[in-house]
PDB file of all heavy atoms in Angstrom:
ATOM      1  N   ALA A   1       0.890  -1.252   0.041  1.00  0.00           N
ATOM      2  CA  ALA A   1       0.012   0.033   0.029  1.00  0.00           C
ATOM      3  C   ALA A   1       0.796   1.222  -0.027  1.00  0.00           C
ATOM      4  O   ALA A   1       0.572   2.227  -0.726  1.00  0.00           O
ATOM      5  CB  ALA A   1      -0.908   0.010   1.210  1.00  0.00           C
ATOM      6  N   GLN A   2       1.903   1.297   0.813  1.00  0.00           N
ATOM      7  CA  GLN A   2       2.803   2.440   0.812  1.00  0.00           C
ATOM      8  C   GLN A   2       3.603   2.621  -0.533  1.00  0.00           C
ATOM      9  O   GLN A   2       3.682   3.620  -1.053  1.00  0.00           O
ATOM     10  CB  GLN A   2       3.922   2.291   1.956  1.00  0.00           C
ATOM     11  CG  GLN A   2       3.305   2.370   3.332  1.00  0.00           C
ATOM     12  CD  GLN A   2       4.259   2.066   4.487  1.00  0.00           C
ATOM     13  OE1 GLN A   2       5.430   1.933   4.273  1.00  0.00           O
ATOM     14  NE2 GLN A   2       3.761   2.249   5.675  1.00  0.00           N
ATOM     15  N   ARG A   3       3.906   1.457  -1.090  1.00  0.00           N
ATOM     16  CA  ARG A   3       4.723   1.544  -2.384  1.00  0.00           C
ATOM     17  C   ARG A   3       3.786   2.028  -3.403  1.00  0.00           C
ATOM     18  O   ARG A   3       4.156   2.837  -4.250  1.00  0.00           O
ATOM     19  CB  ARG A   3       5.212   0.010  -2.690  1.00  0.00           C
ATOM     20  CG  ARG A   3       6.065  -0.001  -3.880  1.00  0.00           C
ATOM     21  CD  ARG A   3       6.631  -1.345  -4.084  1.00  0.00           C
ATOM     22  NE  ARG A   3       5.750  -2.443  -4.092  1.00  0.00           N
ATOM     23  CZ  ARG A   3       5.595  -3.383  -3.164  1.00  0.00           C
ATOM     24  NH1 ARG A   3       6.416  -3.413  -2.089  1.00  0.00           N
ATOM     25  NH2 ARG A   3       4.683  -4.320  -3.269  1.00  0.00           N
ATOM     26  N   GLU A   4       2.482   1.606  -3.425  1.00  0.00           N
ATOM     27  CA  GLU A   4       1.510   2.114  -4.484  1.00  0.00           C
ATOM     28  C   GLU A   4       1.269   3.542  -4.305  1.00  0.00           C
ATOM     29  O   GLU A   4       1.347   4.275  -5.356  1.00  0.00           O
ATOM     30  CB  GLU A   4       0.216   1.344  -4.293  1.00  0.00           C
ATOM     31  CG  GLU A   4      -0.857   1.774  -5.316  1.00  0.00           C
ATOM     32  CD  GLU A   4      -2.174   1.121  -5.171  1.00  0.00           C
ATOM     33  OE1 GLU A   4      -2.495   0.618  -4.098  1.00  0.00           O
ATOM     34  OE2 GLU A   4      -2.937   1.142  -6.204  1.00  0.00           O
ATOM     35  N   VAL A   5       1.112   4.097  -3.148  1.00  0.00           N
ATOM     36  CA  VAL A   5       0.805   5.509  -2.937  1.00  0.00           C
ATOM     37  C   VAL A   5       1.966   6.322  -3.381  1.00  0.00           C
ATOM     38  O   VAL A   5       1.925   7.357  -4.144  1.00  0.00           O
ATOM     39  CB  VAL A   5       0.549   5.808  -1.513  1.00  0.00           C
ATOM     40  CG1 VAL A   5       0.484   7.278  -1.092  1.00  0.00           C
ATOM     41  CG2 VAL A   5      -0.905   5.194  -1.120  1.00  0.00           C
ATOM     42  N   LEU A   6       3.212   5.837  -2.957  1.00  0.00           N
ATOM     43  CA  LEU A   6       4.472   6.659  -3.292  1.00  0.00           C
ATOM     44  C   LEU A   6       4.743   6.533  -4.832  1.00  0.00           C
ATOM     45  O   LEU A   6       5.112   7.599  -5.399  1.00  0.00           O
ATOM     46  CB  LEU A   6       5.592   6.219  -2.590  1.00  0.00           C
ATOM     47  CG  LEU A   6       5.546   6.556  -0.991  1.00  0.00           C
ATOM     48  CD1 LEU A   6       6.829   5.909  -0.360  1.00  0.00           C
ATOM     49  CD2 LEU A   6       5.405   7.993  -0.821  1.00  0.00           C
ATOM     50  N   SER A   7       4.452   5.420  -5.459  1.00  0.00           N
ATOM     51  CA  SER A   7       4.637   5.259  -6.881  1.00  0.00           C
ATOM     52  C   SER A   7       3.669   6.125  -7.656  1.00  0.00           C
ATOM     53  O   SER A   7       4.039   6.822  -8.699  1.00  0.00           O
ATOM     54  CB  SER A   7       4.426   3.788  -7.244  1.00  0.00           C
ATOM     55  OG  SER A   7       5.432   3.008  -6.797  1.00  0.00           O
ATOM     56  N   LEU A   8       2.415   6.227  -7.300  1.00  0.00           N
ATOM     57  CA  LEU A   8       1.448   7.052  -7.904  1.00  0.00           C
ATOM     58  C   LEU A   8       1.878   8.563  -7.752  1.00  0.00           C
ATOM     59  O   LEU A   8       1.713   9.354  -8.681  1.00  0.00           O
ATOM     60  CB  LEU A   8       0.036   6.851  -7.361  1.00  0.00           C
ATOM     61  CG  LEU A   8      -0.580   5.615  -7.773  1.00  0.00           C
ATOM     62  CD1 LEU A   8      -1.926   5.286  -7.029  1.00  0.00           C
ATOM     63  CD2 LEU A   8      -0.891   5.532  -9.230  1.00  0.00           C
ATOM     64  N   ALA A   9       2.384   8.933  -6.619  1.00  0.00           N
ATOM     65  CA  ALA A   9       2.694  10.349  -6.395  1.00  0.00           C
ATOM     66  C   ALA A   9       3.898  10.637  -7.288  1.00  0.00           C
ATOM     67  O   ALA A   9       3.970  11.674  -7.862  1.00  0.00           O
ATOM     68  CB  ALA A   9       3.079  10.566  -4.971  1.00  0.00           C
ATOM     69  N   ARG A  10       4.864   9.757  -7.329  1.00  0.00           N
ATOM     70  CA  ARG A  10       6.167  10.098  -8.121  1.00  0.00           C
ATOM     71  C   ARG A  10       5.892   9.900  -9.632  1.00  0.00           C
ATOM     72  O   ARG A  10       6.237  10.711 -10.321  1.00  0.00           O
ATOM     73  CB  ARG A  10       7.319   9.179  -7.585  1.00  0.00           C
ATOM     74  CG  ARG A  10       8.478   9.317  -8.450  1.00  0.00           C
ATOM     75  CD  ARG A  10       9.149  10.608  -8.261  1.00  0.00           C
ATOM     76  NE  ARG A  10      10.371  10.678  -8.925  1.00  0.00           N
ATOM     77  CZ  ARG A  10      10.557  11.392 -10.004  1.00  0.00           C
ATOM     78  NH1 ARG A  10       9.504  12.020 -10.603  1.00  0.00           N
ATOM     79  NH2 ARG A  10      11.707  11.384 -10.626  1.00  0.00           N
ATOM     80  N   TYR A  11       5.422   8.674 -10.103  1.00  0.00           N
ATOM     81  CA  TYR A  11       5.492   8.311 -11.454  1.00  0.00           C
ATOM     82  C   TYR A  11       4.238   8.809 -12.171  1.00  0.00           C
ATOM     83  O   TYR A  11       4.192   9.146 -13.374  1.00  0.00           O
ATOM     84  CB  TYR A  11       5.693   6.889 -11.672  1.00  0.00           C
ATOM     85  CG  TYR A  11       7.046   6.471 -10.978  1.00  0.00           C
ATOM     86  CD1 TYR A  11       7.045   5.580  -9.973  1.00  0.00           C
ATOM     87  CD2 TYR A  11       8.204   6.919 -11.621  1.00  0.00           C
ATOM     88  CE1 TYR A  11       8.247   5.199  -9.340  1.00  0.00           C
ATOM     89  CE2 TYR A  11       9.371   6.557 -11.053  1.00  0.00           C
ATOM     90  CZ  TYR A  11       9.416   5.707  -9.970  1.00  0.00           C
ATOM     91  OH  TYR A  11      10.629   5.325  -9.417  1.00  0.00           O
ATOM     92  N   ALA A  12       3.102   9.003 -11.570  1.00  0.00           N
ATOM     93  CA  ALA A  12       1.797   9.469 -12.103  1.00  0.00           C
ATOM     94  C   ALA A  12       1.640  10.838 -11.816  1.00  0.00           C
ATOM     95  O   ALA A  12       0.655  11.462 -12.298  1.00  0.00           O
ATOM     96  CB  ALA A  12       0.639   8.608 -11.759  1.00  0.00           C
ATOM     97  N   ASP A  13       2.537  11.406 -11.017  1.00  0.00           N
ATOM     98  CA  ASP A  13       2.543  12.958 -10.608  1.00  0.00           C
ATOM     99  C   ASP A  13       1.133  13.248 -10.081  1.00  0.00           C
ATOM    100  O   ASP A  13       0.514  14.300 -10.386  1.00  0.00           O
ATOM    101  CB  ASP A  13       2.815  13.852 -11.840  1.00  0.00           C
ATOM    102  CG  ASP A  13       3.242  15.229 -11.498  1.00  0.00           C
ATOM    103  OD1 ASP A  13       3.765  15.356 -10.414  1.00  0.00           O
ATOM    104  OD2 ASP A  13       3.047  16.096 -12.240  1.00  0.00           O
ATOM    105  N   LEU A  14       0.666  12.329  -9.107  1.00  0.00           N
ATOM    106  CA  LEU A  14      -0.637  12.693  -8.558  1.00  0.00           C
ATOM    107  C   LEU A  14      -0.436  13.156  -7.091  1.00  0.00           C
ATOM    108  O   LEU A  14       0.545  12.744  -6.407  1.00  0.00           O
ATOM    109  CB  LEU A  14      -1.462  11.410  -8.428  1.00  0.00           C
ATOM    110  CG  LEU A  14      -1.894  10.781  -9.783  1.00  0.00           C
ATOM    111  CD1 LEU A  14      -2.638   9.504  -9.570  1.00  0.00           C
ATOM    112  CD2 LEU A  14      -2.787  11.769 -10.571  1.00  0.00           C
ATOM    113  N   THR A  15      -1.373  14.128  -6.719  1.00  0.00           N
ATOM    114  CA  THR A  15      -1.288  14.530  -5.269  1.00  0.00           C
ATOM    115  C   THR A  15      -2.234  13.612  -4.563  1.00  0.00           C
ATOM    116  O   THR A  15      -2.875  12.662  -5.145  1.00  0.00           O
ATOM    117  CB  THR A  15      -1.926  15.951  -5.202  1.00  0.00           C
ATOM    118  OG1 THR A  15      -3.142  15.929  -5.636  1.00  0.00           O
ATOM    119  CG2 THR A  15      -0.966  16.907  -5.859  1.00  0.00           C
ATOM    120  N   GLN A  16      -2.263  13.713  -3.213  1.00  0.00           N
ATOM    121  CA  GLN A  16      -2.909  12.764  -2.404  1.00  0.00           C
ATOM    122  C   GLN A  16      -4.415  12.717  -2.676  1.00  0.00           C
ATOM    123  O   GLN A  16      -4.932  11.470  -2.631  1.00  0.00           O
ATOM    124  CB  GLN A  16      -2.672  13.116  -0.895  1.00  0.00           C
ATOM    125  CG  GLN A  16      -1.332  12.826  -0.608  1.00  0.00           C
ATOM    126  CD  GLN A  16      -0.789  13.191   0.833  1.00  0.00           C
ATOM    127  OE1 GLN A  16      -1.511  13.931   1.370  1.00  0.00           O
ATOM    128  NE2 GLN A  16       0.371  12.774   1.218  1.00  0.00           N
ATOM    129  N   PRO A  17      -5.244  13.645  -2.898  1.00  0.00           N
ATOM    130  CA  PRO A  17      -6.632  13.508  -3.258  1.00  0.00           C
ATOM    131  C   PRO A  17      -6.918  12.677  -4.442  1.00  0.00           C
ATOM    132  O   PRO A  17      -7.748  11.768  -4.424  1.00  0.00           O
ATOM    133  CB  PRO A  17      -7.175  14.939  -3.270  1.00  0.00           C
ATOM    134  CG  PRO A  17      -6.244  15.782  -2.378  1.00  0.00           C
ATOM    135  CD  PRO A  17      -4.906  15.180  -2.684  1.00  0.00           C
ATOM    136  N   PRO A  18      -6.211  12.938  -5.515  1.00  0.00           N
ATOM    137  CA  PRO A  18      -6.447  12.049  -6.724  1.00  0.00           C
ATOM    138  C   PRO A  18      -5.986  10.567  -6.418  1.00  0.00           C
ATOM    139  O   PRO A  18      -6.561   9.666  -7.010  1.00  0.00           O
ATOM    140  CB  PRO A  18      -5.610  12.596  -7.835  1.00  0.00           C
ATOM    141  CG  PRO A  18      -5.405  14.080  -7.455  1.00  0.00           C
ATOM    142  CD  PRO A  18      -5.414  14.083  -5.997  1.00  0.00           C
ATOM    143  N   ILE A  19      -4.902  10.357  -5.629  1.00  0.00           N
ATOM    144  CA  ILE A  19      -4.554   8.987  -5.270  1.00  0.00           C
ATOM    145  C   ILE A  19      -5.644   8.343  -4.434  1.00  0.00           C
ATOM    146  O   ILE A  19      -5.920   7.142  -4.816  1.00  0.00           O
ATOM    147  CB  ILE A  19      -3.251   9.132  -4.486  1.00  0.00           C
ATOM    148  CG1 ILE A  19      -2.019   9.510  -5.321  1.00  0.00           C
ATOM    149  CG2 ILE A  19      -2.938   7.631  -3.887  1.00  0.00           C
ATOM    150  CD1 ILE A  19      -0.822   9.769  -4.614  1.00  0.00           C
ATOM    151  N   ALA A  20      -6.262   9.037  -3.558  1.00  0.00           N
ATOM    152  CA  ALA A  20      -7.355   8.458  -2.803  1.00  0.00           C
ATOM    153  C   ALA A  20      -8.443   8.070  -3.736  1.00  0.00           C
ATOM    154  O   ALA A  20      -9.106   7.028  -3.510  1.00  0.00           O
ATOM    155  CB  ALA A  20      -7.772   9.433  -1.665  1.00  0.00           C
ATOM    156  N   ALA A  21      -8.880   9.044  -4.714  1.00  0.00           N
ATOM    157  CA  ALA A  21      -9.899   8.630  -5.617  1.00  0.00           C
ATOM    158  C   ALA A  21      -9.607   7.479  -6.518  1.00  0.00           C
ATOM    159  O   ALA A  21     -10.452   6.636  -6.766  1.00  0.00           O
ATOM    160  CB  ALA A  21     -10.199   9.892  -6.421  1.00  0.00           C
ATOM    161  N   ARG A  22      -8.424   7.370  -6.937  1.00  0.00           N
ATOM    162  CA  ARG A  22      -7.983   6.331  -7.858  1.00  0.00           C
ATOM    163  C   ARG A  22      -7.871   4.933  -7.123  1.00  0.00           C
ATOM    164  O   ARG A  22      -8.320   3.900  -7.649  1.00  0.00           O
ATOM    165  CB  ARG A  22      -6.603   6.541  -8.515  1.00  0.00           C
ATOM    166  CG  ARG A  22      -6.106   5.452  -9.423  1.00  0.00           C
ATOM    167  CD  ARG A  22      -4.866   5.750 -10.029  1.00  0.00           C
ATOM    168  NE  ARG A  22      -4.927   6.795 -11.075  1.00  0.00           N
ATOM    169  CZ  ARG A  22      -4.120   6.981 -12.049  1.00  0.00           C
ATOM    170  NH1 ARG A  22      -2.864   6.365 -11.989  1.00  0.00           N
ATOM    171  NH2 ARG A  22      -4.298   7.903 -12.916  1.00  0.00           N
ATOM    172  N   THR A  23      -7.415   4.979  -5.850  1.00  0.00           N
ATOM    173  CA  THR A  23      -7.298   3.681  -5.081  1.00  0.00           C
ATOM    174  C   THR A  23      -8.443   3.230  -4.391  1.00  0.00           C
ATOM    175  O   THR A  23      -8.676   2.209  -3.966  1.00  0.00           O
ATOM    176  CB  THR A  23      -6.054   3.728  -4.153  1.00  0.00           C
ATOM    177  OG1 THR A  23      -6.274   4.910  -3.230  1.00  0.00           O
ATOM    178  CG2 THR A  23      -4.759   4.072  -4.938  1.00  0.00           C
ATOM    179  N   GLY A  24      -9.310   4.242  -4.022  1.00  0.00           N
ATOM    180  CA  GLY A  24     -10.584   4.023  -3.173  1.00  0.00           C
ATOM    181  C   GLY A  24     -10.219   4.052  -1.771  1.00  0.00           C
ATOM    182  O   GLY A  24     -11.161   3.688  -0.927  1.00  0.00           O
ATOM    183  N   LEU A  25      -9.041   4.452  -1.388  1.00  0.00           N
ATOM    184  CA  LEU A  25      -8.612   4.588   0.018  1.00  0.00           C
ATOM    185  C   LEU A  25      -9.055   5.944   0.497  1.00  0.00           C
ATOM    186  O   LEU A  25      -9.141   6.954  -0.067  1.00  0.00           O
ATOM    187  CB  LEU A  25      -7.127   4.533   0.081  1.00  0.00           C
ATOM    188  CG  LEU A  25      -6.459   3.203  -0.199  1.00  0.00           C
ATOM    189  CD1 LEU A  25      -4.967   3.398  -0.203  1.00  0.00           C
ATOM    190  CD2 LEU A  25      -6.881   2.112   0.767  1.00  0.00           C
ATOM    191  N   PRO A  26      -9.445   6.070   1.855  1.00  0.00           N
ATOM    192  CA  PRO A  26      -9.719   7.424   2.388  1.00  0.00           C
ATOM    193  C   PRO A  26      -8.500   8.193   2.423  1.00  0.00           C
ATOM    194  O   PRO A  26      -7.393   7.758   2.420  1.00  0.00           O
ATOM    195  CB  PRO A  26     -10.036   6.971   3.922  1.00  0.00           C
ATOM    196  CG  PRO A  26     -10.347   5.554   3.920  1.00  0.00           C
ATOM    197  CD  PRO A  26      -9.515   4.889   2.854  1.00  0.00           C
ATOM    198  N   LEU A  27      -8.718   9.542   2.107  1.00  0.00           N
ATOM    199  CA  LEU A  27      -7.665  10.538   2.093  1.00  0.00           C
ATOM    200  C   LEU A  27      -6.625  10.350   3.231  1.00  0.00           C
ATOM    201  O   LEU A  27      -5.415  10.433   3.111  1.00  0.00           O
ATOM    202  CB  LEU A  27      -8.138  11.885   2.002  1.00  0.00           C
ATOM    203  CG  LEU A  27      -7.054  12.954   1.952  1.00  0.00           C
ATOM    204  CD1 LEU A  27      -6.129  12.772   0.725  1.00  0.00           C
ATOM    205  CD2 LEU A  27      -7.782  14.379   1.758  1.00  0.00           C
ATOM    206  N   GLY A  28      -7.149  10.181   4.483  1.00  0.00           N
ATOM    207  CA  GLY A  28      -6.299  10.072   5.730  1.00  0.00           C
ATOM    208  C   GLY A  28      -5.352   8.956   5.525  1.00  0.00           C
ATOM    209  O   GLY A  28      -4.207   8.938   5.977  1.00  0.00           O
ATOM    210  N   THR A  29      -5.850   7.749   4.981  1.00  0.00           N
ATOM    211  CA  THR A  29      -5.104   6.579   4.843  1.00  0.00           C
ATOM    212  C   THR A  29      -3.979   6.884   3.805  1.00  0.00           C
ATOM    213  O   THR A  29      -2.812   6.440   4.017  1.00  0.00           O
ATOM    214  CB  THR A  29      -5.897   5.402   4.498  1.00  0.00           C
ATOM    215  OG1 THR A  29      -6.936   5.199   5.452  1.00  0.00           O
ATOM    216  CG2 THR A  29      -5.191   4.151   4.251  1.00  0.00           C
ATOM    217  N   VAL A  30      -4.309   7.502   2.696  1.00  0.00           N
ATOM    218  CA  VAL A  30      -3.262   7.828   1.757  1.00  0.00           C
ATOM    219  C   VAL A  30      -2.184   8.761   2.413  1.00  0.00           C
ATOM    220  O   VAL A  30      -1.048   8.534   2.142  1.00  0.00           O
ATOM    221  CB  VAL A  30      -3.962   8.533   0.491  1.00  0.00           C
ATOM    222  CG1 VAL A  30      -2.825   9.142  -0.437  1.00  0.00           C
ATOM    223  CG2 VAL A  30      -4.843   7.665  -0.213  1.00  0.00           C
ATOM    224  N   GLU A  31      -2.606   9.747   3.251  1.00  0.00           N
ATOM    225  CA  GLU A  31      -1.683  10.603   3.834  1.00  0.00           C
ATOM    226  C   GLU A  31      -0.763   9.790   4.727  1.00  0.00           C
ATOM    227  O   GLU A  31       0.480  10.006   4.775  1.00  0.00           O
ATOM    228  CB  GLU A  31      -2.424  11.738   4.586  1.00  0.00           C
ATOM    229  CG  GLU A  31      -3.101  12.636   3.702  1.00  0.00           C
ATOM    230  CD  GLU A  31      -4.109  13.631   4.491  1.00  0.00           C
ATOM    231  OE1 GLU A  31      -4.328  13.328   5.698  1.00  0.00           O
ATOM    232  OE2 GLU A  31      -4.542  14.584   3.844  1.00  0.00           O
ATOM    233  N   SER A  32      -1.285   8.917   5.448  1.00  0.00           N
ATOM    234  CA  SER A  32      -0.589   8.129   6.426  1.00  0.00           C
ATOM    235  C   SER A  32       0.409   7.100   5.647  1.00  0.00           C
ATOM    236  O   SER A  32       1.570   7.004   6.105  1.00  0.00           O
ATOM    237  CB  SER A  32      -1.530   7.169   7.236  1.00  0.00           C
ATOM    238  OG  SER A  32      -0.767   6.361   8.166  1.00  0.00           O
TER     239      SER A  32
END
């Protein structure tokens, strides 16, 4: 889960709210 979030941030150039939307995780979980 951490690897996916960091990969999306780095390689897909996404911020945390779009990562939350793409993964279906709550924003707080993505931040964590």
